[in-house]
Structure formats: structure tokens, C-alpha cells
């Protein structure tokens, strides 16, 4: 995602927004696939037999995908980041709920640019700001910490099971397509 062009006095604004019709389509497709899977494969689970374990693994794997699709469409808030000198304002919006959080530079323990490669063909970058120990990300939307935990686990379940969970203490920006833009945003945030 590209940051909006700006002059030296204007903040850098970037956002990750999923339109409501797309949310409803993904949620509906996820729910329909969940029901279809349970109707088609559910009878293979009962009465218990030698193949119950085999079909149980298939059902659990499918449910993890379809329910994540439903949860992501229903619980993932839109984010708009406004990055100014020494100040970060994040607006979270989910359906008709809006929450605005403002952070000063001293609110962060570290800020860095990291690779956010979700696909093997596309390289993307994020601005990641860690909050000090004891502080957690508060969006003002009650469902978001639950979703963040689900998404962190789905991104890398093995790594997350072997180390402390950090999803709630890190703010991750929407993705930049160019490293230079992410570095410029970091420089802008670190400016006094």
C-alpha cells in the first residue's frame, strides 16, 4: 500500500481498509463453506470407526481456514495511520465503531522497519513499534485483541508456540510497497 504524497509539513497517511460489501462476502463465503464442510464430512465422524481420526483431521483443518475467514471479515478493524513528527495517530474502524489512539514518541520502546512478506512474489514493509513491557495495544474495539491473537497464531503457529506472544504489544502499520517509503515514515516518526 502506498503512502499518500505529502509535503514536509503534512503527516504521512496510510491505511488498510476492507469495504463492508467485501467483508460481508468473505464472511458469507466462510460461513457457507463451514456449513458445507460439516454437512458433507460430519457424517464420516459418527459413528466412530477406523476412519474417524482421518476425517477428523480433515474437518479440523478445514474449520481452521473457514472460521479464520469468518473471524477476519467480522473482527478485523480498518486502520488509518497518520504519522507526524514524534506523533502517531491510529484510527480503528469496524462497521459503525470508531476509535482513535494517539501515541507520542516516548510511548514506544522501539520502532523499526521490518519485512512483511505475505507472498513469495511480493515484498512489503511495515513500520513496527513496540510498546514497553506492561502496556498493550488498545484499539477501543472489544474484539480486536482476540483477532490479533488468532492472526498471530495463523501467521506462524510453530514460532508462536515456542516463544512469548508479542502481538498485543506491537503496533504494525499497513504495508508499504517500497522500503524507502517505510524508512521515510520511520524517520518522520522519530523526528522531534
N, C-alpha and C. Protein backbone atom coordinates (compact mmCIF):
# COMPACT_ATOMS: atom_id res chain seq x y z
N UNK A 1 0.84 -1.16 0.00
CA UNK A 1 0.00 0.00 0.00
C UNK A 1 0.89 1.23 0.00
N UNK A 2 0.56 2.15 -0.83
CA UNK A 2 1.35 3.37 -0.95
C UNK A 2 0.89 4.38 0.08
N UNK A 3 1.85 5.11 0.61
CA UNK A 3 1.52 6.22 1.50
C UNK A 3 1.11 7.40 0.63
N UNK A 4 0.28 8.25 1.18
CA UNK A 4 -0.15 9.41 0.42
C UNK A 4 1.00 10.38 0.28
N UNK A 5 1.12 11.04 -0.91
CA UNK A 5 2.18 12.03 -1.08
C UNK A 5 1.98 13.16 -0.07
N UNK A 6 3.08 13.76 0.35
CA UNK A 6 2.97 14.80 1.34
C UNK A 6 4.11 15.79 1.18
N UNK A 7 3.87 16.95 1.70
CA UNK A 7 4.94 17.93 1.78
C UNK A 7 5.59 17.78 3.14
N UNK A 8 6.64 18.54 3.38
CA UNK A 8 7.38 18.35 4.62
C UNK A 8 6.56 18.66 5.87
N UNK A 9 5.52 19.46 5.77
CA UNK A 9 4.73 19.81 6.95
C UNK A 9 3.54 18.91 7.20
N UNK A 10 3.14 18.14 6.20
CA UNK A 10 1.96 17.29 6.34
C UNK A 10 2.35 15.90 6.85
N UNK A 11 1.45 15.26 7.61
CA UNK A 11 1.75 13.90 8.08
C UNK A 11 1.64 12.89 6.94
N UNK A 12 2.32 11.77 7.12
CA UNK A 12 2.21 10.65 6.18
C UNK A 12 0.98 9.85 6.59
N UNK A 13 0.09 9.62 5.64
CA UNK A 13 -1.16 8.89 5.93
C UNK A 13 -1.19 7.62 5.08
N UNK A 14 -1.41 6.48 5.75
CA UNK A 14 -1.61 5.24 5.04
C UNK A 14 -2.71 4.46 5.74
N UNK A 15 -3.35 3.59 4.98
CA UNK A 15 -4.50 2.89 5.57
C UNK A 15 -4.64 1.49 5.00
N UNK A 16 -5.35 0.69 5.76
CA UNK A 16 -5.74 -0.66 5.35
C UNK A 16 -7.25 -0.72 5.59
N UNK A 17 -8.01 -0.68 4.51
CA UNK A 17 -9.47 -0.63 4.64
C UNK A 17 -10.09 -1.75 3.81
N UNK A 18 -11.00 -2.49 4.43
CA UNK A 18 -11.76 -3.52 3.73
C UNK A 18 -13.21 -3.02 3.64
N UNK A 19 -13.70 -2.75 2.43
CA UNK A 19 -15.08 -2.25 2.29
C UNK A 19 -16.09 -3.24 2.88
N UNK A 20 -17.18 -2.71 3.42
CA UNK A 20 -18.21 -3.53 4.06
C UNK A 20 -18.76 -4.61 3.13
N UNK A 21 -19.04 -4.33 1.85
CA UNK A 21 -19.54 -5.42 0.99
C UNK A 21 -18.54 -6.58 0.88
N UNK A 22 -17.25 -6.28 0.83
CA UNK A 22 -16.23 -7.33 0.76
C UNK A 22 -16.21 -8.11 2.07
N UNK A 23 -16.34 -7.40 3.20
CA UNK A 23 -16.43 -8.09 4.50
C UNK A 23 -17.59 -9.07 4.52
N UNK A 24 -18.73 -8.61 4.05
CA UNK A 24 -19.92 -9.47 4.05
C UNK A 24 -19.75 -10.67 3.12
N UNK A 25 -19.11 -10.46 1.97
CA UNK A 25 -18.88 -11.56 1.03
C UNK A 25 -17.94 -12.60 1.66
N UNK A 26 -16.80 -12.13 2.21
CA UNK A 26 -15.87 -13.07 2.84
C UNK A 26 -16.51 -13.80 4.02
N UNK A 27 -17.24 -13.08 4.84
CA UNK A 27 -17.91 -13.70 5.97
C UNK A 27 -18.95 -14.72 5.52
N UNK A 28 -19.72 -14.36 4.50
CA UNK A 28 -20.73 -15.28 3.97
C UNK A 28 -20.12 -16.52 3.34
N UNK A 29 -19.06 -16.33 2.57
CA UNK A 29 -18.38 -17.47 1.95
C UNK A 29 -17.78 -18.37 3.03
N UNK A 30 -17.14 -17.78 4.03
CA UNK A 30 -16.57 -18.58 5.12
C UNK A 30 -17.62 -19.36 5.87
N UNK A 31 -18.75 -18.71 6.15
CA UNK A 31 -19.84 -19.39 6.85
C UNK A 31 -20.45 -20.50 5.99
N UNK A 32 -20.65 -20.22 4.71
CA UNK A 32 -21.21 -21.24 3.81
C UNK A 32 -20.27 -22.44 3.69
N UNK A 33 -18.96 -22.18 3.58
CA UNK A 33 -18.01 -23.28 3.48
C UNK A 33 -17.94 -24.08 4.78
N UNK A 34 -18.10 -23.41 5.91
CA UNK A 34 -18.12 -24.12 7.20
C UNK A 34 -19.32 -25.06 7.27
N UNK A 35 -20.48 -24.55 6.91
CA UNK A 35 -21.70 -25.37 6.94
C UNK A 35 -21.60 -26.53 5.93
N UNK A 36 -21.11 -26.23 4.72
CA UNK A 36 -20.96 -27.26 3.70
C UNK A 36 -20.02 -28.37 4.17
N UNK A 37 -18.92 -27.96 4.76
CA UNK A 37 -17.95 -28.94 5.25
C UNK A 37 -18.55 -29.82 6.34
N UNK A 38 -19.28 -29.22 7.28
CA UNK A 38 -19.88 -30.01 8.35
C UNK A 38 -20.98 -30.94 7.83
N UNK A 39 -21.74 -30.48 6.85
CA UNK A 39 -22.80 -31.31 6.29
C UNK A 39 -22.21 -32.48 5.49
N UNK A 40 -21.17 -32.20 4.72
CA UNK A 40 -20.60 -33.23 3.86
C UNK A 40 -19.69 -34.20 4.61
N UNK A 41 -18.87 -33.69 5.53
CA UNK A 41 -17.90 -34.55 6.21
C UNK A 41 -18.31 -34.93 7.63
N UNK A 42 -19.29 -34.26 8.17
CA UNK A 42 -19.75 -34.57 9.52
C UNK A 42 -20.21 -36.00 9.70
N UNK A 43 -21.00 -36.56 8.77
CA UNK A 43 -21.43 -37.95 8.92
C UNK A 43 -20.28 -38.96 8.98
N UNK A 44 -19.13 -38.61 8.43
CA UNK A 44 -17.99 -39.54 8.48
C UNK A 44 -17.38 -39.61 9.87
N UNK A 45 -17.75 -38.68 10.75
CA UNK A 45 -17.20 -38.66 12.10
C UNK A 45 -18.01 -39.51 13.08
N UNK A 46 -19.27 -39.84 12.69
CA UNK A 46 -20.12 -40.59 13.61
C UNK A 46 -20.86 -41.66 12.86
N UNK A 47 -20.95 -42.81 13.27
CA UNK A 47 -20.39 -43.42 14.47
C UNK A 47 -18.87 -43.59 14.32
N UNK A 48 -18.17 -43.60 15.45
CA UNK A 48 -16.71 -43.73 15.41
C UNK A 48 -16.28 -45.02 14.71
N UNK A 49 -15.24 -44.87 13.89
CA UNK A 49 -14.67 -46.02 13.20
C UNK A 49 -13.18 -45.78 13.00
N UNK A 50 -12.57 -46.64 12.25
CA UNK A 50 -11.14 -46.51 11.98
C UNK A 50 -10.83 -45.22 11.22
N UNK A 51 -11.74 -44.75 10.37
CA UNK A 51 -11.51 -43.56 9.56
C UNK A 51 -11.92 -42.26 10.25
N UNK A 52 -12.50 -42.35 11.44
CA UNK A 52 -12.93 -41.15 12.15
C UNK A 52 -11.76 -40.19 12.41
N UNK A 53 -10.64 -40.71 12.81
CA UNK A 53 -9.47 -39.87 13.07
C UNK A 53 -9.02 -39.16 11.79
N UNK A 54 -8.97 -39.90 10.69
CA UNK A 54 -8.57 -39.32 9.40
C UNK A 54 -9.50 -38.17 9.00
N UNK A 55 -10.82 -38.42 9.04
CA UNK A 55 -11.77 -37.38 8.67
C UNK A 55 -11.80 -36.26 9.71
N UNK A 56 -11.55 -36.59 10.96
CA UNK A 56 -11.49 -35.56 12.00
C UNK A 56 -10.38 -34.55 11.74
N UNK A 57 -9.23 -35.03 11.31
CA UNK A 57 -8.11 -34.13 10.98
C UNK A 57 -8.47 -33.25 9.80
N UNK A 58 -9.11 -33.81 8.81
CA UNK A 58 -9.54 -33.03 7.64
C UNK A 58 -10.55 -31.96 8.05
N UNK A 59 -11.52 -32.33 8.87
CA UNK A 59 -12.55 -31.38 9.31
C UNK A 59 -11.92 -30.26 10.14
N UNK A 60 -11.04 -30.61 11.07
CA UNK A 60 -10.39 -29.58 11.90
C UNK A 60 -9.54 -28.64 11.06
N UNK A 61 -8.82 -29.17 10.09
CA UNK A 61 -8.02 -28.32 9.20
C UNK A 61 -8.89 -27.38 8.39
N UNK A 62 -9.98 -27.90 7.85
CA UNK A 62 -10.90 -27.06 7.08
C UNK A 62 -11.57 -26.01 7.93
N UNK A 63 -11.99 -26.40 9.15
CA UNK A 63 -12.62 -25.42 10.04
C UNK A 63 -11.67 -24.31 10.44
N UNK A 64 -10.39 -24.63 10.60
CA UNK A 64 -9.43 -23.58 10.96
C UNK A 64 -9.34 -22.53 9.86
N UNK A 65 -9.48 -22.94 8.61
CA UNK A 65 -9.42 -21.99 7.50
C UNK A 65 -10.73 -21.21 7.37
N UNK A 66 -11.85 -21.93 7.36
CA UNK A 66 -13.13 -21.24 7.13
C UNK A 66 -13.52 -20.34 8.30
N UNK A 67 -13.27 -20.78 9.53
CA UNK A 67 -13.60 -19.93 10.67
C UNK A 67 -12.66 -18.72 10.78
N UNK A 68 -11.40 -18.88 10.34
CA UNK A 68 -10.49 -17.73 10.29
C UNK A 68 -10.97 -16.71 9.27
N UNK A 69 -11.54 -17.18 8.17
CA UNK A 69 -12.10 -16.28 7.16
C UNK A 69 -13.28 -15.50 7.74
N UNK A 70 -14.15 -16.19 8.45
CA UNK A 70 -15.30 -15.53 9.10
C UNK A 70 -14.81 -14.54 10.15
N UNK A 71 -13.88 -14.97 11.01
CA UNK A 71 -13.38 -14.10 12.09
C UNK A 71 -12.66 -12.89 11.51
N UNK A 72 -11.85 -13.09 10.50
CA UNK A 72 -11.12 -11.96 9.90
C UNK A 72 -12.04 -10.94 9.28
N UNK A 73 -13.10 -11.40 8.63
CA UNK A 73 -14.02 -10.45 8.00
C UNK A 73 -14.91 -9.75 9.03
N UNK A 74 -15.22 -10.44 10.11
CA UNK A 74 -16.13 -9.86 11.10
C UNK A 74 -15.42 -9.06 12.17
N UNK A 75 -14.16 -9.41 12.48
CA UNK A 75 -13.50 -8.80 13.62
C UNK A 75 -12.30 -7.92 13.28
N UNK A 76 -11.81 -7.94 12.06
CA UNK A 76 -10.62 -7.17 11.70
C UNK A 76 -10.95 -5.72 11.41
N UNK A 77 -10.50 -4.80 12.26
CA UNK A 77 -10.83 -3.38 12.05
C UNK A 77 -10.01 -2.76 10.93
N UNK A 78 -10.58 -1.77 10.26
CA UNK A 78 -9.83 -0.96 9.32
C UNK A 78 -8.90 -0.07 10.12
N UNK A 79 -7.74 0.23 9.54
CA UNK A 79 -6.77 1.09 10.23
C UNK A 79 -6.34 2.22 9.31
N UNK A 80 -6.24 3.41 9.86
CA UNK A 80 -5.65 4.54 9.17
C UNK A 80 -4.56 5.10 10.07
N UNK A 81 -3.33 5.12 9.58
CA UNK A 81 -2.19 5.63 10.32
C UNK A 81 -1.85 7.02 9.82
N UNK A 82 -1.69 7.94 10.76
CA UNK A 82 -1.25 9.30 10.45
C UNK A 82 0.06 9.52 11.21
N UNK A 83 1.15 9.57 10.45
CA UNK A 83 2.48 9.65 11.04
C UNK A 83 3.02 11.06 10.89
N UNK A 84 3.22 11.72 12.02
CA UNK A 84 3.78 13.06 12.04
C UNK A 84 5.08 13.07 12.82
N UNK A 85 5.73 14.21 12.90
CA UNK A 85 6.98 14.27 13.66
C UNK A 85 6.75 13.96 15.14
N UNK A 86 7.28 12.82 15.60
CA UNK A 86 7.17 12.44 17.00
C UNK A 86 5.78 12.05 17.45
N UNK A 87 4.86 11.82 16.51
CA UNK A 87 3.47 11.53 16.88
C UNK A 87 2.85 10.54 15.89
N UNK A 88 2.12 9.58 16.43
CA UNK A 88 1.42 8.59 15.62
C UNK A 88 -0.04 8.56 16.06
N UNK A 89 -0.94 8.74 15.11
CA UNK A 89 -2.37 8.65 15.39
C UNK A 89 -2.95 7.52 14.55
N UNK A 90 -3.59 6.57 15.22
CA UNK A 90 -4.19 5.43 14.53
C UNK A 90 -5.69 5.48 14.74
N UNK A 91 -6.43 5.43 13.64
CA UNK A 91 -7.88 5.38 13.70
C UNK A 91 -8.31 3.97 13.33
N UNK A 92 -9.02 3.33 14.26
CA UNK A 92 -9.57 1.99 14.03
C UNK A 92 -11.05 2.14 13.75
N UNK A 93 -11.54 1.41 12.76
CA UNK A 93 -12.97 1.47 12.46
C UNK A 93 -13.45 0.08 12.09
N UNK A 94 -14.53 -0.34 12.73
CA UNK A 94 -15.15 -1.63 12.43
C UNK A 94 -16.65 -1.40 12.40
N UNK A 95 -17.23 -1.53 11.21
CA UNK A 95 -18.63 -1.24 10.97
C UNK A 95 -18.95 0.16 11.47
N UNK A 96 -19.74 0.33 12.53
CA UNK A 96 -20.08 1.69 12.96
C UNK A 96 -19.31 2.14 14.20
N UNK A 97 -18.31 1.38 14.63
CA UNK A 97 -17.49 1.78 15.77
C UNK A 97 -16.18 2.39 15.29
N UNK A 98 -15.81 3.51 15.89
CA UNK A 98 -14.55 4.17 15.56
C UNK A 98 -13.81 4.47 16.85
N UNK A 99 -12.51 4.26 16.81
CA UNK A 99 -11.66 4.54 17.96
C UNK A 99 -10.38 5.19 17.45
N UNK A 100 -9.96 6.27 18.10
CA UNK A 100 -8.73 6.97 17.71
C UNK A 100 -7.75 6.89 18.86
N UNK A 101 -6.54 6.43 18.56
CA UNK A 101 -5.47 6.33 19.57
C UNK A 101 -4.29 7.16 19.09
N UNK A 102 -3.74 7.95 20.01
CA UNK A 102 -2.59 8.79 19.69
C UNK A 102 -1.41 8.39 20.57
N UNK A 103 -0.26 8.24 19.94
CA UNK A 103 0.97 7.87 20.65
C UNK A 103 2.03 8.93 20.39
N UNK A 104 2.78 9.26 21.43
CA UNK A 104 3.95 10.11 21.29
C UNK A 104 5.17 9.22 21.15
N UNK A 105 6.27 9.80 20.73
CA UNK A 105 7.49 9.03 20.52
C UNK A 105 7.95 8.33 21.80
N UNK A 106 7.77 8.98 22.97
CA UNK A 106 8.21 8.37 24.23
C UNK A 106 7.32 7.21 24.67
N UNK A 107 6.18 6.97 23.99
CA UNK A 107 5.31 5.84 24.31
C UNK A 107 5.85 4.52 23.77
N UNK A 108 6.86 4.58 22.89
CA UNK A 108 7.38 3.38 22.25
C UNK A 108 8.73 2.99 22.83
N UNK A 109 8.91 1.68 22.94
CA UNK A 109 10.22 1.17 23.36
C UNK A 109 11.16 1.12 22.16
N UNK A 110 10.67 0.59 21.03
CA UNK A 110 11.45 0.56 19.79
C UNK A 110 10.53 0.80 18.61
N UNK A 111 11.10 1.31 17.55
CA UNK A 111 10.40 1.47 16.27
C UNK A 111 11.37 1.04 15.18
N UNK A 112 10.90 0.22 14.26
CA UNK A 112 11.77 -0.27 13.19
C UNK A 112 10.96 -0.61 11.96
N UNK A 113 11.66 -0.75 10.84
CA UNK A 113 11.04 -1.19 9.60
C UNK A 113 11.35 -2.67 9.45
N UNK A 114 10.32 -3.47 9.21
CA UNK A 114 10.51 -4.91 9.03
C UNK A 114 9.89 -5.35 7.72
N UNK A 115 10.35 -6.48 7.24
CA UNK A 115 9.78 -7.07 6.03
C UNK A 115 8.45 -7.71 6.40
N UNK A 116 7.46 -7.52 5.55
CA UNK A 116 6.13 -8.09 5.79
C UNK A 116 5.74 -8.90 4.57
N UNK A 117 6.54 -9.88 4.25
CA UNK A 117 6.33 -10.68 3.05
C UNK A 117 5.26 -11.72 3.30
N UNK A 118 4.08 -11.52 2.69
CA UNK A 118 2.98 -12.46 2.84
C UNK A 118 2.93 -13.44 1.68
N UNK A 119 3.55 -13.10 0.61
CA UNK A 119 3.53 -13.91 -0.59
C UNK A 119 4.96 -14.02 -1.09
N UNK A 120 5.31 -15.11 -1.70
CA UNK A 120 6.69 -15.29 -2.13
C UNK A 120 7.08 -14.34 -3.26
N UNK A 121 6.10 -13.77 -3.96
CA UNK A 121 6.40 -12.89 -5.09
C UNK A 121 6.42 -11.41 -4.73
N UNK A 122 5.81 -11.02 -3.63
CA UNK A 122 5.66 -9.61 -3.31
C UNK A 122 6.37 -9.29 -2.01
N UNK A 123 7.26 -8.33 -2.07
CA UNK A 123 7.96 -7.87 -0.88
C UNK A 123 7.24 -6.62 -0.38
N UNK A 124 6.92 -6.60 0.90
CA UNK A 124 6.26 -5.45 1.51
C UNK A 124 6.97 -5.14 2.82
N UNK A 125 6.77 -3.93 3.32
CA UNK A 125 7.45 -3.48 4.53
C UNK A 125 6.45 -2.85 5.47
N UNK A 126 6.71 -2.97 6.77
CA UNK A 126 5.86 -2.39 7.79
C UNK A 126 6.69 -1.60 8.77
N UNK A 127 6.07 -0.61 9.34
CA UNK A 127 6.65 0.11 10.46
C UNK A 127 6.12 -0.59 11.71
N UNK A 128 7.02 -1.12 12.55
CA UNK A 128 6.63 -1.86 13.74
C UNK A 128 7.12 -1.10 14.97
N UNK A 129 6.19 -0.73 15.84
CA UNK A 129 6.52 0.00 17.06
C UNK A 129 6.14 -0.88 18.26
N UNK A 130 7.11 -1.13 19.13
CA UNK A 130 6.87 -1.96 20.32
C UNK A 130 6.59 -1.07 21.51
N UNK A 131 5.58 -1.44 22.26
CA UNK A 131 5.24 -0.72 23.48
C UNK A 131 6.07 -1.29 24.63
N UNK A 132 6.32 -0.49 25.66
CA UNK A 132 7.08 -1.01 26.82
C UNK A 132 6.33 -2.15 27.49
N UNK A 133 7.09 -2.98 28.20
CA UNK A 133 6.51 -4.11 28.91
C UNK A 133 5.42 -3.63 29.86
N UNK A 134 4.30 -4.29 29.86
CA UNK A 134 3.19 -3.90 30.72
C UNK A 134 2.12 -3.11 30.00
N UNK A 135 2.42 -2.57 28.82
CA UNK A 135 1.42 -1.85 28.03
C UNK A 135 1.00 -2.73 26.86
N UNK A 136 -0.26 -2.70 26.52
CA UNK A 136 -0.75 -3.48 25.39
C UNK A 136 -1.47 -2.57 24.41
N UNK A 137 -1.62 -3.06 23.19
CA UNK A 137 -2.33 -2.31 22.16
C UNK A 137 -3.80 -2.24 22.54
N UNK A 138 -4.33 -1.05 22.61
CA UNK A 138 -5.74 -0.84 22.92
C UNK A 138 -6.38 -0.13 21.73
N UNK A 139 -7.29 -0.80 21.07
CA UNK A 139 -7.93 -0.20 19.91
C UNK A 139 -9.24 0.49 20.26
N UNK A 140 -9.82 0.13 21.39
CA UNK A 140 -11.14 0.65 21.72
C UNK A 140 -12.24 -0.23 21.15
N UNK A 141 -11.87 -1.21 20.33
CA UNK A 141 -12.83 -2.16 19.78
C UNK A 141 -12.63 -3.47 20.51
N UNK A 142 -13.65 -3.92 21.20
CA UNK A 142 -13.52 -5.04 22.13
C UNK A 142 -13.03 -6.32 21.49
N UNK A 143 -13.34 -6.57 20.22
CA UNK A 143 -13.00 -7.85 19.61
C UNK A 143 -11.57 -7.91 19.10
N UNK A 144 -10.89 -6.79 18.97
CA UNK A 144 -9.59 -6.78 18.29
C UNK A 144 -8.50 -7.58 18.98
N UNK A 145 -8.30 -7.55 20.30
CA UNK A 145 -7.23 -8.37 20.88
C UNK A 145 -7.42 -9.86 20.59
N UNK A 146 -8.66 -10.33 20.58
CA UNK A 146 -8.93 -11.72 20.24
C UNK A 146 -8.50 -12.01 18.81
N UNK A 147 -8.86 -11.11 17.88
CA UNK A 147 -8.49 -11.30 16.49
C UNK A 147 -6.98 -11.26 16.33
N UNK A 148 -6.30 -10.34 17.02
CA UNK A 148 -4.85 -10.25 16.90
C UNK A 148 -4.19 -11.54 17.34
N UNK A 149 -4.70 -12.15 18.37
CA UNK A 149 -4.14 -13.42 18.84
C UNK A 149 -4.36 -14.51 17.79
N UNK A 150 -5.54 -14.55 17.19
CA UNK A 150 -5.83 -15.54 16.15
C UNK A 150 -4.92 -15.33 14.94
N UNK A 151 -4.80 -14.07 14.49
CA UNK A 151 -3.98 -13.80 13.31
C UNK A 151 -2.51 -14.08 13.56
N UNK A 152 -2.00 -13.75 14.74
CA UNK A 152 -0.59 -14.04 15.06
C UNK A 152 -0.35 -15.54 15.03
N UNK A 153 -1.29 -16.32 15.55
CA UNK A 153 -1.13 -17.77 15.54
C UNK A 153 -1.19 -18.32 14.13
N UNK A 154 -2.13 -17.82 13.32
CA UNK A 154 -2.28 -18.33 11.96
C UNK A 154 -1.10 -17.96 11.08
N UNK A 155 -0.44 -16.81 11.34
CA UNK A 155 0.72 -16.42 10.53
C UNK A 155 1.89 -17.36 10.74
N UNK A 156 2.10 -17.79 11.98
CA UNK A 156 3.24 -18.67 12.25
C UNK A 156 2.97 -19.45 13.53
N UNK A 157 2.18 -20.52 13.46
CA UNK A 157 1.78 -21.24 14.67
C UNK A 157 2.93 -21.88 15.42
N UNK A 158 3.93 -22.40 14.72
CA UNK A 158 5.03 -23.08 15.39
C UNK A 158 5.90 -22.08 16.14
N UNK A 159 6.25 -20.98 15.49
CA UNK A 159 7.11 -19.98 16.15
C UNK A 159 6.39 -19.36 17.35
N UNK A 160 5.08 -19.14 17.22
CA UNK A 160 4.33 -18.52 18.32
C UNK A 160 4.15 -19.46 19.50
N UNK A 161 4.20 -20.77 19.27
CA UNK A 161 4.05 -21.69 20.38
C UNK A 161 5.36 -21.84 21.16
N UNK A 162 6.48 -21.47 20.56
CA UNK A 162 7.78 -21.63 21.20
C UNK A 162 8.31 -20.36 21.86
N UNK A 163 7.61 -19.26 21.75
CA UNK A 163 8.10 -18.01 22.34
C UNK A 163 6.93 -17.22 22.91
N UNK A 164 7.23 -16.21 23.73
CA UNK A 164 6.15 -15.40 24.29
C UNK A 164 5.37 -14.71 23.18
N UNK A 165 4.10 -14.52 23.40
CA UNK A 165 3.22 -13.89 22.41
C UNK A 165 3.38 -12.38 22.46
N UNK A 166 3.76 -11.77 21.32
CA UNK A 166 4.03 -10.33 21.29
C UNK A 166 3.01 -9.54 20.48
N UNK A 167 1.96 -10.18 19.98
CA UNK A 167 1.03 -9.49 19.11
C UNK A 167 0.35 -8.31 19.80
N UNK A 168 0.16 -8.39 21.11
CA UNK A 168 -0.57 -7.33 21.80
C UNK A 168 0.30 -6.15 22.21
N UNK A 169 1.63 -6.27 22.05
CA UNK A 169 2.48 -5.15 22.45
C UNK A 169 3.15 -4.48 21.25
N UNK A 170 2.80 -4.88 20.05
CA UNK A 170 3.38 -4.29 18.85
C UNK A 170 2.31 -3.68 17.98
N UNK A 171 2.59 -2.49 17.51
CA UNK A 171 1.74 -1.84 16.52
C UNK A 171 2.38 -2.08 15.16
N UNK A 172 1.63 -2.64 14.24
CA UNK A 172 2.14 -2.92 12.89
C UNK A 172 1.35 -2.09 11.90
N UNK A 173 2.08 -1.30 11.13
CA UNK A 173 1.43 -0.42 10.16
C UNK A 173 0.88 -1.23 8.99
N UNK A 174 -0.03 -0.64 8.24
CA UNK A 174 -0.37 -1.24 6.95
C UNK A 174 0.91 -1.30 6.11
N UNK A 175 0.95 -2.19 5.14
CA UNK A 175 2.18 -2.45 4.40
C UNK A 175 2.54 -1.33 3.42
N UNK A 176 3.84 -1.06 3.34
CA UNK A 176 4.40 -0.19 2.32
C UNK A 176 4.92 -1.08 1.20
N UNK A 177 4.83 -0.63 -0.05
CA UNK A 177 5.36 -1.42 -1.15
C UNK A 177 6.84 -1.18 -1.37
N UNK A 178 7.36 -0.06 -0.88
CA UNK A 178 8.77 0.26 -1.06
C UNK A 178 9.42 0.49 0.30
N UNK A 179 10.61 -0.05 0.45
CA UNK A 179 11.35 0.12 1.71
C UNK A 179 11.66 1.59 1.98
N UNK A 180 11.93 2.35 0.92
CA UNK A 180 12.25 3.78 1.08
C UNK A 180 11.10 4.53 1.74
N UNK A 181 9.87 4.19 1.35
CA UNK A 181 8.70 4.86 1.95
C UNK A 181 8.57 4.51 3.43
N UNK A 182 8.81 3.24 3.76
CA UNK A 182 8.74 2.82 5.16
C UNK A 182 9.83 3.51 5.97
N UNK A 183 11.04 3.61 5.41
CA UNK A 183 12.14 4.30 6.10
C UNK A 183 11.82 5.78 6.28
N UNK A 184 11.20 6.40 5.27
CA UNK A 184 10.81 7.81 5.36
C UNK A 184 9.77 8.00 6.47
N UNK A 185 8.83 7.06 6.58
CA UNK A 185 7.81 7.15 7.63
C UNK A 185 8.47 7.01 9.01
N UNK A 186 9.43 6.09 9.13
CA UNK A 186 10.14 5.92 10.40
C UNK A 186 10.92 7.17 10.75
N UNK A 187 11.59 7.76 9.78
CA UNK A 187 12.35 9.00 10.02
C UNK A 187 11.41 10.12 10.46
N UNK A 188 10.25 10.17 9.82
CA UNK A 188 9.26 11.20 10.15
C UNK A 188 8.77 11.02 11.59
N UNK A 189 8.51 9.76 11.99
CA UNK A 189 8.05 9.49 13.34
C UNK A 189 9.12 9.81 14.37
N UNK A 190 10.36 9.53 14.06
CA UNK A 190 11.45 9.75 15.01
C UNK A 190 11.89 11.22 15.11
N UNK A 191 11.39 12.04 14.19
CA UNK A 191 11.76 13.47 14.21
C UNK A 191 11.16 14.14 15.45
N UNK A 192 11.90 15.05 16.09
CA UNK A 192 11.37 15.73 17.29
C UNK A 192 10.27 16.72 16.94
